[in-house]
Amino acid sequence: MTDTKHEADERLMQWLRDAHAMEKQAETMLSSMEERIENYPHLRKRIAQHLKETQHQSQRLEDAIGRLGGKTSAIKDTAASIGIMFHTLTTTLAGDEVMKGLLSGYTFEHYEICAYRILIAGAGVLGDTETARICRENLREEEDMAQWLSQNIDPLTTEYLEREENGSERAKR
């Protein structure tokens, strides 16, 4: 094994650990959003669905890391979860919590999409077809969620503003 191949294998492992931490972060964020959304049932339902997908994604990554002889990084997983807890706290204090959650969710989906595209390309270079396959599966779910959010930005914004204009306390969440 050449040093360059070994370095590339190590880099892929690092990216897999980063993606696992990213999914743990997403799990924390989605769980909090699902618990807090009260008045937007269609959004809550889609978040609950994506939370389950996210848990499966995390498990797929953990399996891939184990298959390659590695372990997940408890430090990265914990740091990611702590970071998102602070973000969640500031979002819940906002008067337009559901809109801040929509903004954060849409942005995070695109971050995940890019991470999976990098992983797929890296696994392809290394000939790791199994890692590429699971990352394509995760990527498809992230793209589906990003598309759903994109299609629902306008109607959710309209719904939020109509509620707020009517003085409804139901607008926030």
N, C-alpha and C. Protein backbone atom coordinates (compact mmCIF):
# COMPACT_ATOMS: atom_id res chain seq x y z
N MET A 1 0.85 -1.18 0.00
CA MET A 1 0.00 0.00 0.00
C MET A 1 0.89 1.24 0.00
N THR A 2 0.60 2.13 -0.90
CA THR A 2 1.39 3.36 -0.96
C THR A 2 0.95 4.32 0.13
N ASP A 3 1.87 5.22 0.45
CA ASP A 3 1.52 6.23 1.45
C ASP A 3 0.36 7.09 0.99
N THR A 4 0.32 7.39 -0.30
CA THR A 4 -0.75 8.23 -0.84
C THR A 4 -2.10 7.53 -0.71
N LYS A 5 -2.17 6.23 -1.02
CA LYS A 5 -3.42 5.48 -0.89
C LYS A 5 -3.82 5.43 0.58
N HIS A 6 -2.87 5.20 1.45
CA HIS A 6 -3.16 5.16 2.89
C HIS A 6 -3.72 6.52 3.35
N GLU A 7 -3.13 7.61 2.89
CA GLU A 7 -3.62 8.94 3.26
C GLU A 7 -5.03 9.17 2.74
N ALA A 8 -5.31 8.70 1.52
CA ALA A 8 -6.65 8.85 0.95
C ALA A 8 -7.66 8.02 1.74
N ASP A 9 -7.28 6.81 2.14
CA ASP A 9 -8.16 5.98 2.96
C ASP A 9 -8.45 6.66 4.30
N GLU A 10 -7.44 7.23 4.90
CA GLU A 10 -7.61 7.95 6.17
C GLU A 10 -8.50 9.17 6.00
N ARG A 11 -8.33 9.87 4.89
CA ARG A 11 -9.16 11.05 4.62
C ARG A 11 -10.62 10.63 4.47
N LEU A 12 -10.88 9.54 3.74
CA LEU A 12 -12.26 9.07 3.58
C LEU A 12 -12.84 8.70 4.95
N MET A 13 -12.05 8.06 5.79
CA MET A 13 -12.52 7.71 7.14
C MET A 13 -12.86 8.97 7.92
N GLN A 14 -12.03 9.98 7.81
CA GLN A 14 -12.29 11.25 8.50
C GLN A 14 -13.61 11.85 8.00
N TRP A 15 -13.82 11.83 6.70
CA TRP A 15 -15.05 12.37 6.13
C TRP A 15 -16.28 11.58 6.58
N LEU A 16 -16.13 10.26 6.68
CA LEU A 16 -17.24 9.43 7.17
C LEU A 16 -17.57 9.77 8.62
N ARG A 17 -16.53 9.97 9.43
CA ARG A 17 -16.77 10.36 10.83
C ARG A 17 -17.44 11.74 10.90
N ASP A 18 -16.98 12.64 10.05
CA ASP A 18 -17.60 13.98 10.01
C ASP A 18 -19.07 13.88 9.61
N ALA A 19 -19.36 13.02 8.63
CA ALA A 19 -20.75 12.85 8.18
C ALA A 19 -21.59 12.22 9.28
N HIS A 20 -21.02 11.30 10.02
CA HIS A 20 -21.75 10.68 11.14
C HIS A 20 -22.09 11.76 12.18
N ALA A 21 -21.12 12.59 12.50
CA ALA A 21 -21.37 13.68 13.46
C ALA A 21 -22.41 14.65 12.90
N MET A 22 -22.36 14.90 11.59
CA MET A 22 -23.33 15.77 10.94
C MET A 22 -24.74 15.20 11.10
N GLU A 23 -24.88 13.89 10.92
CA GLU A 23 -26.20 13.27 11.06
C GLU A 23 -26.67 13.27 12.51
N LYS A 24 -25.76 13.11 13.45
CA LYS A 24 -26.13 13.22 14.86
C LYS A 24 -26.61 14.64 15.17
N GLN A 25 -25.95 15.62 14.58
CA GLN A 25 -26.36 17.01 14.72
C GLN A 25 -27.75 17.20 14.12
N ALA A 26 -27.97 16.65 12.94
CA ALA A 26 -29.28 16.77 12.29
C ALA A 26 -30.36 16.09 13.12
N GLU A 27 -30.02 14.96 13.72
CA GLU A 27 -30.97 14.24 14.56
C GLU A 27 -31.43 15.10 15.73
N THR A 28 -30.48 15.76 16.36
CA THR A 28 -30.80 16.65 17.49
C THR A 28 -31.69 17.80 17.02
N MET A 29 -31.34 18.41 15.90
CA MET A 29 -32.09 19.54 15.38
C MET A 29 -33.51 19.12 14.98
N LEU A 30 -33.63 18.01 14.26
CA LEU A 30 -34.95 17.57 13.81
C LEU A 30 -35.84 17.14 14.97
N SER A 31 -35.25 16.48 15.94
CA SER A 31 -36.00 16.05 17.11
C SER A 31 -36.58 17.26 17.85
N SER A 32 -35.77 18.28 18.02
CA SER A 32 -36.22 19.49 18.69
C SER A 32 -37.32 20.18 17.89
N MET A 33 -37.14 20.26 16.57
CA MET A 33 -38.15 20.90 15.73
C MET A 33 -39.47 20.13 15.79
N GLU A 34 -39.38 18.80 15.71
CA GLU A 34 -40.60 18.00 15.74
C GLU A 34 -41.35 18.21 17.05
N GLU A 35 -40.64 18.27 18.16
CA GLU A 35 -41.27 18.47 19.46
C GLU A 35 -41.93 19.84 19.58
N ARG A 36 -41.33 20.86 18.97
CA ARG A 36 -41.78 22.23 19.19
C ARG A 36 -42.85 22.69 18.19
N ILE A 37 -42.86 22.13 17.00
CA ILE A 37 -43.86 22.58 16.01
C ILE A 37 -45.24 22.08 16.45
N GLU A 38 -46.14 23.02 16.61
CA GLU A 38 -47.47 22.70 17.10
C GLU A 38 -48.56 22.95 16.05
N ASN A 39 -48.37 23.97 15.24
CA ASN A 39 -49.46 24.46 14.41
C ASN A 39 -49.24 24.33 12.91
N TYR A 40 -48.27 23.58 12.52
CA TYR A 40 -47.96 23.34 11.11
C TYR A 40 -47.85 21.82 10.92
N PRO A 41 -48.98 21.10 10.95
CA PRO A 41 -48.94 19.64 10.96
C PRO A 41 -48.24 19.02 9.75
N HIS A 42 -48.37 19.62 8.58
CA HIS A 42 -47.71 19.08 7.39
C HIS A 42 -46.19 19.19 7.52
N LEU A 43 -45.70 20.27 8.10
CA LEU A 43 -44.26 20.43 8.33
C LEU A 43 -43.80 19.46 9.41
N ARG A 44 -44.56 19.36 10.46
CA ARG A 44 -44.19 18.44 11.56
C ARG A 44 -44.11 16.99 11.05
N LYS A 45 -45.08 16.60 10.24
CA LYS A 45 -45.10 15.24 9.69
C LYS A 45 -43.86 14.97 8.83
N ARG A 46 -43.50 15.94 8.00
CA ARG A 46 -42.33 15.74 7.12
C ARG A 46 -41.04 15.72 7.94
N ILE A 47 -40.98 16.52 8.97
CA ILE A 47 -39.80 16.52 9.85
C ILE A 47 -39.70 15.17 10.56
N ALA A 48 -40.80 14.63 11.03
CA ALA A 48 -40.79 13.32 11.70
C ALA A 48 -40.30 12.24 10.74
N GLN A 49 -40.75 12.31 9.50
CA GLN A 49 -40.31 11.34 8.49
C GLN A 49 -38.80 11.46 8.26
N HIS A 50 -38.33 12.70 8.13
CA HIS A 50 -36.90 12.90 7.87
C HIS A 50 -36.06 12.55 9.09
N LEU A 51 -36.61 12.71 10.28
CA LEU A 51 -35.89 12.30 11.49
C LEU A 51 -35.61 10.80 11.43
N LYS A 52 -36.60 10.01 11.04
CA LYS A 52 -36.39 8.56 10.91
C LYS A 52 -35.35 8.26 9.83
N GLU A 53 -35.42 8.97 8.72
CA GLU A 53 -34.41 8.79 7.66
C GLU A 53 -33.03 9.12 8.19
N THR A 54 -32.94 10.20 8.94
CA THR A 54 -31.66 10.64 9.50
C THR A 54 -31.07 9.59 10.44
N GLN A 55 -31.91 8.98 11.24
CA GLN A 55 -31.44 7.92 12.13
C GLN A 55 -30.91 6.74 11.34
N HIS A 56 -31.56 6.41 10.23
CA HIS A 56 -31.07 5.33 9.36
C HIS A 56 -29.75 5.75 8.68
N GLN A 57 -29.66 7.00 8.29
CA GLN A 57 -28.44 7.48 7.66
C GLN A 57 -27.26 7.37 8.62
N SER A 58 -27.49 7.76 9.85
CA SER A 58 -26.46 7.68 10.87
C SER A 58 -26.00 6.23 11.06
N GLN A 59 -26.95 5.31 11.08
CA GLN A 59 -26.62 3.89 11.25
C GLN A 59 -25.85 3.37 10.04
N ARG A 60 -26.25 3.77 8.83
CA ARG A 60 -25.53 3.34 7.62
C ARG A 60 -24.08 3.81 7.69
N LEU A 61 -23.88 5.06 8.11
CA LEU A 61 -22.52 5.59 8.21
C LEU A 61 -21.72 4.84 9.28
N GLU A 62 -22.35 4.57 10.41
CA GLU A 62 -21.68 3.83 11.47
C GLU A 62 -21.27 2.44 10.97
N ASP A 63 -22.15 1.80 10.21
CA ASP A 63 -21.83 0.49 9.63
C ASP A 63 -20.66 0.58 8.65
N ALA A 64 -20.67 1.63 7.83
CA ALA A 64 -19.58 1.81 6.86
C ALA A 64 -18.25 2.04 7.57
N ILE A 65 -18.27 2.85 8.60
CA ILE A 65 -17.05 3.12 9.37
C ILE A 65 -16.54 1.81 9.98
N GLY A 66 -17.43 1.03 10.56
CA GLY A 66 -17.04 -0.25 11.14
C GLY A 66 -16.51 -1.22 10.10
N ARG A 67 -17.15 -1.26 8.94
CA ARG A 67 -16.72 -2.14 7.85
C ARG A 67 -15.30 -1.82 7.42
N LEU A 68 -14.94 -0.55 7.49
CA LEU A 68 -13.60 -0.11 7.09
C LEU A 68 -12.60 -0.18 8.24
N GLY A 69 -13.05 -0.70 9.38
CA GLY A 69 -12.14 -0.90 10.51
C GLY A 69 -12.01 0.28 11.45
N GLY A 70 -12.92 1.23 11.35
CA GLY A 70 -12.86 2.41 12.21
C GLY A 70 -13.97 2.44 13.23
N LYS A 71 -13.97 3.50 13.98
CA LYS A 71 -15.01 3.75 14.98
C LYS A 71 -15.48 5.19 14.81
N THR A 72 -16.73 5.44 15.21
CA THR A 72 -17.22 6.81 15.16
C THR A 72 -16.45 7.64 16.18
N SER A 73 -16.52 8.95 16.02
CA SER A 73 -15.83 9.86 16.92
C SER A 73 -16.81 10.44 17.93
N ALA A 74 -16.71 9.97 19.16
CA ALA A 74 -17.60 10.48 20.21
C ALA A 74 -17.39 11.98 20.41
N ILE A 75 -16.17 12.42 20.25
CA ILE A 75 -15.87 13.86 20.42
C ILE A 75 -16.59 14.67 19.34
N LYS A 76 -16.49 14.24 18.08
CA LYS A 76 -17.16 14.96 16.99
C LYS A 76 -18.67 14.90 17.15
N ASP A 77 -19.20 13.72 17.51
CA ASP A 77 -20.64 13.58 17.68
C ASP A 77 -21.16 14.51 18.78
N THR A 78 -20.44 14.54 19.90
CA THR A 78 -20.86 15.37 21.03
C THR A 78 -20.73 16.85 20.70
N ALA A 79 -19.63 17.24 20.09
CA ALA A 79 -19.42 18.65 19.73
C ALA A 79 -20.51 19.12 18.77
N ALA A 80 -20.87 18.28 17.81
CA ALA A 80 -21.91 18.65 16.86
C ALA A 80 -23.25 18.82 17.56
N SER A 81 -23.56 17.92 18.47
CA SER A 81 -24.84 18.01 19.19
C SER A 81 -24.91 19.23 20.09
N ILE A 82 -23.80 19.55 20.75
CA ILE A 82 -23.77 20.73 21.61
C ILE A 82 -23.96 22.00 20.78
N GLY A 83 -23.29 22.05 19.64
CA GLY A 83 -23.41 23.21 18.77
C GLY A 83 -24.85 23.44 18.33
N ILE A 84 -25.52 22.37 17.95
CA ILE A 84 -26.90 22.52 17.48
C ILE A 84 -27.84 22.85 18.63
N MET A 85 -27.52 22.41 19.85
CA MET A 85 -28.38 22.76 20.99
C MET A 85 -28.35 24.27 21.24
N PHE A 86 -27.19 24.90 21.09
CA PHE A 86 -27.12 26.35 21.24
C PHE A 86 -27.90 27.04 20.13
N HIS A 87 -27.78 26.52 18.92
CA HIS A 87 -28.52 27.09 17.80
C HIS A 87 -30.03 26.95 18.04
N THR A 88 -30.45 25.79 18.51
CA THR A 88 -31.86 25.56 18.79
C THR A 88 -32.37 26.51 19.85
N LEU A 89 -31.58 26.75 20.87
CA LEU A 89 -31.98 27.67 21.93
C LEU A 89 -32.25 29.06 21.37
N THR A 90 -31.36 29.56 20.52
CA THR A 90 -31.56 30.90 19.96
C THR A 90 -32.76 30.93 19.03
N THR A 91 -33.00 29.84 18.31
CA THR A 91 -34.15 29.79 17.40
C THR A 91 -35.45 29.80 18.18
N THR A 92 -35.51 29.08 19.29
CA THR A 92 -36.75 29.02 20.06
C THR A 92 -37.09 30.35 20.70
N LEU A 93 -36.12 31.20 20.88
CA LEU A 93 -36.37 32.52 21.47
C LEU A 93 -36.90 33.51 20.44
N ALA A 94 -36.77 33.17 19.17
CA ALA A 94 -37.21 34.07 18.11
C ALA A 94 -38.74 34.09 18.03
N GLY A 95 -39.28 35.23 17.68
CA GLY A 95 -40.73 35.35 17.54
C GLY A 95 -41.25 34.61 16.32
N ASP A 96 -40.37 34.33 15.37
CA ASP A 96 -40.75 33.63 14.15
C ASP A 96 -40.03 32.27 14.09
N GLU A 97 -40.16 31.52 15.17
CA GLU A 97 -39.43 30.27 15.33
C GLU A 97 -39.58 29.32 14.14
N VAL A 98 -40.78 29.14 13.63
CA VAL A 98 -40.98 28.20 12.54
C VAL A 98 -40.24 28.65 11.28
N MET A 99 -40.16 29.95 11.06
CA MET A 99 -39.45 30.45 9.89
C MET A 99 -37.93 30.30 10.05
N LYS A 100 -37.45 30.54 11.27
CA LYS A 100 -36.02 30.34 11.52
C LYS A 100 -35.66 28.85 11.36
N GLY A 101 -36.56 27.98 11.80
CA GLY A 101 -36.34 26.54 11.63
C GLY A 101 -36.34 26.14 10.17
N LEU A 102 -37.22 26.73 9.38
CA LEU A 102 -37.27 26.47 7.94
C LEU A 102 -35.96 26.91 7.28
N LEU A 103 -35.50 28.07 7.64
CA LEU A 103 -34.24 28.59 7.10
C LEU A 103 -33.07 27.69 7.48
N SER A 104 -33.00 27.31 8.73
CA SER A 104 -31.91 26.44 9.19
C SER A 104 -31.98 25.08 8.53
N GLY A 105 -33.17 24.53 8.44
CA GLY A 105 -33.33 23.21 7.84
C GLY A 105 -32.94 23.18 6.39
N TYR A 106 -33.39 24.17 5.64
CA TYR A 106 -33.07 24.23 4.21
C TYR A 106 -31.56 24.38 3.99
N THR A 107 -30.94 25.22 4.79
CA THR A 107 -29.49 25.43 4.69
C THR A 107 -28.75 24.15 5.05
N PHE A 108 -29.15 23.49 6.13
CA PHE A 108 -28.47 22.28 6.59
C PHE A 108 -28.61 21.15 5.58
N GLU A 109 -29.77 21.04 4.92
CA GLU A 109 -29.94 20.00 3.90
C GLU A 109 -28.92 20.16 2.78
N HIS A 110 -28.65 21.38 2.38
CA HIS A 110 -27.69 21.60 1.31
C HIS A 110 -26.25 21.34 1.78
N TYR A 111 -25.97 21.60 3.02
CA TYR A 111 -24.68 21.24 3.60
C TYR A 111 -24.50 19.72 3.54
N GLU A 112 -25.54 18.98 3.92
CA GLU A 112 -25.48 17.52 3.90
C GLU A 112 -25.33 17.00 2.47
N ILE A 113 -26.05 17.59 1.54
CA ILE A 113 -25.95 17.19 0.13
C ILE A 113 -24.52 17.31 -0.35
N CYS A 114 -23.88 18.41 -0.06
CA CYS A 114 -22.49 18.60 -0.48
C CYS A 114 -21.57 17.59 0.19
N ALA A 115 -21.77 17.34 1.47
CA ALA A 115 -20.94 16.37 2.20
C ALA A 115 -21.05 14.99 1.55
N TYR A 116 -22.25 14.57 1.19
CA TYR A 116 -22.43 13.26 0.57
C TYR A 116 -21.85 13.21 -0.84
N ARG A 117 -21.93 14.28 -1.56
CA ARG A 117 -21.32 14.30 -2.90
C ARG A 117 -19.80 14.15 -2.80
N ILE A 118 -19.21 14.79 -1.80
CA ILE A 118 -17.76 14.65 -1.58
C ILE A 118 -17.44 13.20 -1.21
N LEU A 119 -18.22 12.63 -0.31
CA LEU A 119 -17.98 11.23 0.09
C LEU A 119 -18.12 10.27 -1.09
N ILE A 120 -19.11 10.46 -1.91
CA ILE A 120 -19.33 9.59 -3.08
C ILE A 120 -18.14 9.70 -4.03
N ALA A 121 -17.68 10.92 -4.28
CA ALA A 121 -16.53 11.10 -5.16
C ALA A 121 -15.28 10.46 -4.56
N GLY A 122 -15.05 10.67 -3.27
CA GLY A 122 -13.87 10.10 -2.62
C GLY A 122 -13.91 8.58 -2.62
N ALA A 123 -15.06 8.01 -2.30
CA ALA A 123 -15.19 6.55 -2.31
C ALA A 123 -14.98 6.01 -3.72
N GLY A 124 -15.46 6.75 -4.71
CA GLY A 124 -15.27 6.33 -6.10
C GLY A 124 -13.80 6.29 -6.49
N VAL A 125 -13.06 7.30 -6.10
CA VAL A 125 -11.63 7.33 -6.39
C VAL A 125 -10.93 6.13 -5.77
N LEU A 126 -11.36 5.76 -4.57
CA LEU A 126 -10.72 4.64 -3.85
C LEU A 126 -11.30 3.28 -4.22
N GLY A 127 -12.31 3.26 -5.08
CA GLY A 127 -12.92 1.99 -5.49
C GLY A 127 -13.78 1.36 -4.41
N ASP A 128 -14.23 2.16 -3.45
CA ASP A 128 -15.07 1.67 -2.36
C ASP A 128 -16.53 1.79 -2.78
N THR A 129 -17.00 0.80 -3.51
CA THR A 129 -18.35 0.87 -4.07
C THR A 129 -19.44 0.80 -2.99
N GLU A 130 -19.18 0.08 -1.90
CA GLU A 130 -20.19 -0.04 -0.84
C GLU A 130 -20.39 1.30 -0.13
N THR A 131 -19.31 1.99 0.19
CA THR A 131 -19.44 3.31 0.82
C THR A 131 -20.13 4.28 -0.13
N ALA A 132 -19.76 4.23 -1.40
CA ALA A 132 -20.41 5.09 -2.39
C ALA A 132 -21.91 4.79 -2.46
N ARG A 133 -22.27 3.52 -2.39
CA ARG A 133 -23.69 3.13 -2.48
C ARG A 133 -24.49 3.68 -1.30
N ILE A 134 -23.97 3.51 -0.07
CA ILE A 134 -24.74 4.00 1.08
C ILE A 134 -24.79 5.52 1.09
N CYS A 135 -23.75 6.16 0.62
CA CYS A 135 -23.76 7.63 0.57
C CYS A 135 -24.73 8.13 -0.50
N ARG A 136 -24.87 7.39 -1.60
CA ARG A 136 -25.88 7.76 -2.61
C ARG A 136 -27.29 7.62 -2.04
N GLU A 137 -27.50 6.59 -1.23
CA GLU A 137 -28.81 6.40 -0.59
C GLU A 137 -29.10 7.56 0.36
N ASN A 138 -28.12 7.93 1.18
CA ASN A 138 -28.29 9.07 2.08
C ASN A 138 -28.50 10.35 1.29
N LEU A 139 -27.73 10.53 0.23
CA LEU A 139 -27.84 11.72 -0.61
C LEU A 139 -29.25 11.86 -1.18
N ARG A 140 -29.81 10.75 -1.67
CA ARG A 140 -31.16 10.80 -2.24
C ARG A 140 -32.17 11.30 -1.21
N GLU A 141 -32.07 10.83 0.03
CA GLU A 141 -32.99 11.26 1.08
C GLU A 141 -32.80 12.73 1.42
N GLU A 142 -31.56 13.19 1.42
CA GLU A 142 -31.30 14.61 1.70
C GLU A 142 -31.84 15.48 0.56
N GLU A 143 -31.64 15.04 -0.66
CA GLU A 143 -32.16 15.81 -1.80
C GLU A 143 -33.69 15.85 -1.78
N ASP A 144 -34.32 14.74 -1.40
CA ASP A 144 -35.78 14.72 -1.30
C ASP A 144 -36.27 15.72 -0.26
N MET A 145 -35.60 15.76 0.89
CA MET A 145 -36.00 16.69 1.94
C MET A 145 -35.76 18.14 1.49
N ALA A 146 -34.63 18.40 0.87
CA ALA A 146 -34.34 19.76 0.39
C ALA A 146 -35.39 20.19 -0.64
N GLN A 147 -35.79 19.27 -1.50
CA GLN A 147 -36.81 19.60 -2.50
C GLN A 147 -38.15 19.88 -1.83
N TRP A 148 -38.51 19.05 -0.84
CA TRP A 148 -39.77 19.27 -0.13
C TRP A 148 -39.77 20.65 0.52
N LEU A 149 -38.68 20.96 1.20
CA LEU A 149 -38.59 22.28 1.85
C LEU A 149 -38.69 23.39 0.82
N SER A 150 -37.98 23.25 -0.29
CA SER A 150 -38.02 24.27 -1.34
C SER A 150 -39.44 24.49 -1.85
N GLN A 151 -40.17 23.41 -2.04
CA GLN A 151 -41.54 23.51 -2.55
C GLN A 151 -42.50 24.10 -1.51
N ASN A 152 -42.11 24.07 -0.26
CA ASN A 152 -43.00 24.52 0.80
C ASN A 152 -42.61 25.85 1.43
N ILE A 153 -41.53 26.46 0.97
CA ILE A 153 -41.13 27.76 1.52
C ILE A 153 -42.23 28.80 1.32
N ASP A 154 -42.71 28.93 0.10
CA ASP A 154 -43.73 29.95 -0.18
C ASP A 154 -45.02 29.72 0.61
N PRO A 155 -45.60 28.50 0.55
CA PRO A 155 -46.85 28.31 1.31
C PRO A 155 -46.66 28.45 2.82
N LEU A 156 -45.53 27.99 3.35
CA LEU A 156 -45.31 28.13 4.79
C LEU A 156 -45.13 29.59 5.19
N THR A 157 -44.43 30.34 4.34
CA THR A 157 -44.25 31.77 4.61
C THR A 157 -45.59 32.49 4.58
N THR A 158 -46.41 32.18 3.59
CA THR A 158 -47.74 32.79 3.49
C THR A 158 -48.57 32.44 4.72
N GLU A 159 -48.57 31.17 5.08
CA GLU A 159 -49.34 30.73 6.25
C GLU A 159 -48.86 31.45 7.52
N TYR A 160 -47.55 31.54 7.68
CA TYR A 160 -46.99 32.21 8.85
C TYR A 160 -47.44 33.68 8.89
N LEU A 161 -47.27 34.39 7.77
CA LEU A 161 -47.59 35.83 7.74
C LEU A 161 -49.09 36.08 7.94
N GLU A 162 -49.93 35.21 7.41
CA GLU A 162 -51.37 35.37 7.61
C GLU A 162 -51.72 35.21 9.09
N ARG A 163 -51.11 34.23 9.73
CA ARG A 163 -51.37 34.03 11.16
C ARG A 163 -50.86 35.21 11.97
N GLU A 164 -49.67 35.66 11.64
CA GLU A 164 -49.09 36.78 12.38
C GLU A 164 -49.93 38.05 12.19
N GLU A 165 -50.40 38.30 10.97
CA GLU A 165 -51.21 39.47 10.69
C GLU A 165 -52.51 39.45 11.49
N ASN A 166 -53.04 38.26 11.71
CA ASN A 166 -54.27 38.11 12.48
C ASN A 166 -54.02 38.09 13.97
N GLY A 167 -52.77 38.30 14.37
CA GLY A 167 -52.44 38.34 15.79
C GLY A 167 -52.45 36.97 16.46
N SER A 168 -52.37 35.95 15.67
CA SER A 168 -52.46 34.60 16.23
C SER A 168 -51.15 34.18 16.89
N GLU A 169 -51.28 33.65 18.09
CA GLU A 169 -50.12 33.08 18.80
C GLU A 169 -49.64 31.81 18.11
N ARG A 170 -50.48 31.27 17.22
CA ARG A 170 -50.14 30.04 16.52
C ARG A 170 -49.12 30.25 15.42
N ALA A 171 -48.77 31.48 15.13
CA ALA A 171 -47.82 31.75 14.06
C ALA A 171 -46.42 31.27 14.41
N LYS A 172 -45.97 31.52 15.62
CA LYS A 172 -44.58 31.24 16.02
C LYS A 172 -44.18 29.80 15.77
N ARG A 173 -45.00 28.85 16.23
CA ARG A 173 -44.65 27.45 16.06
C ARG A 173 -45.88 26.62 15.83
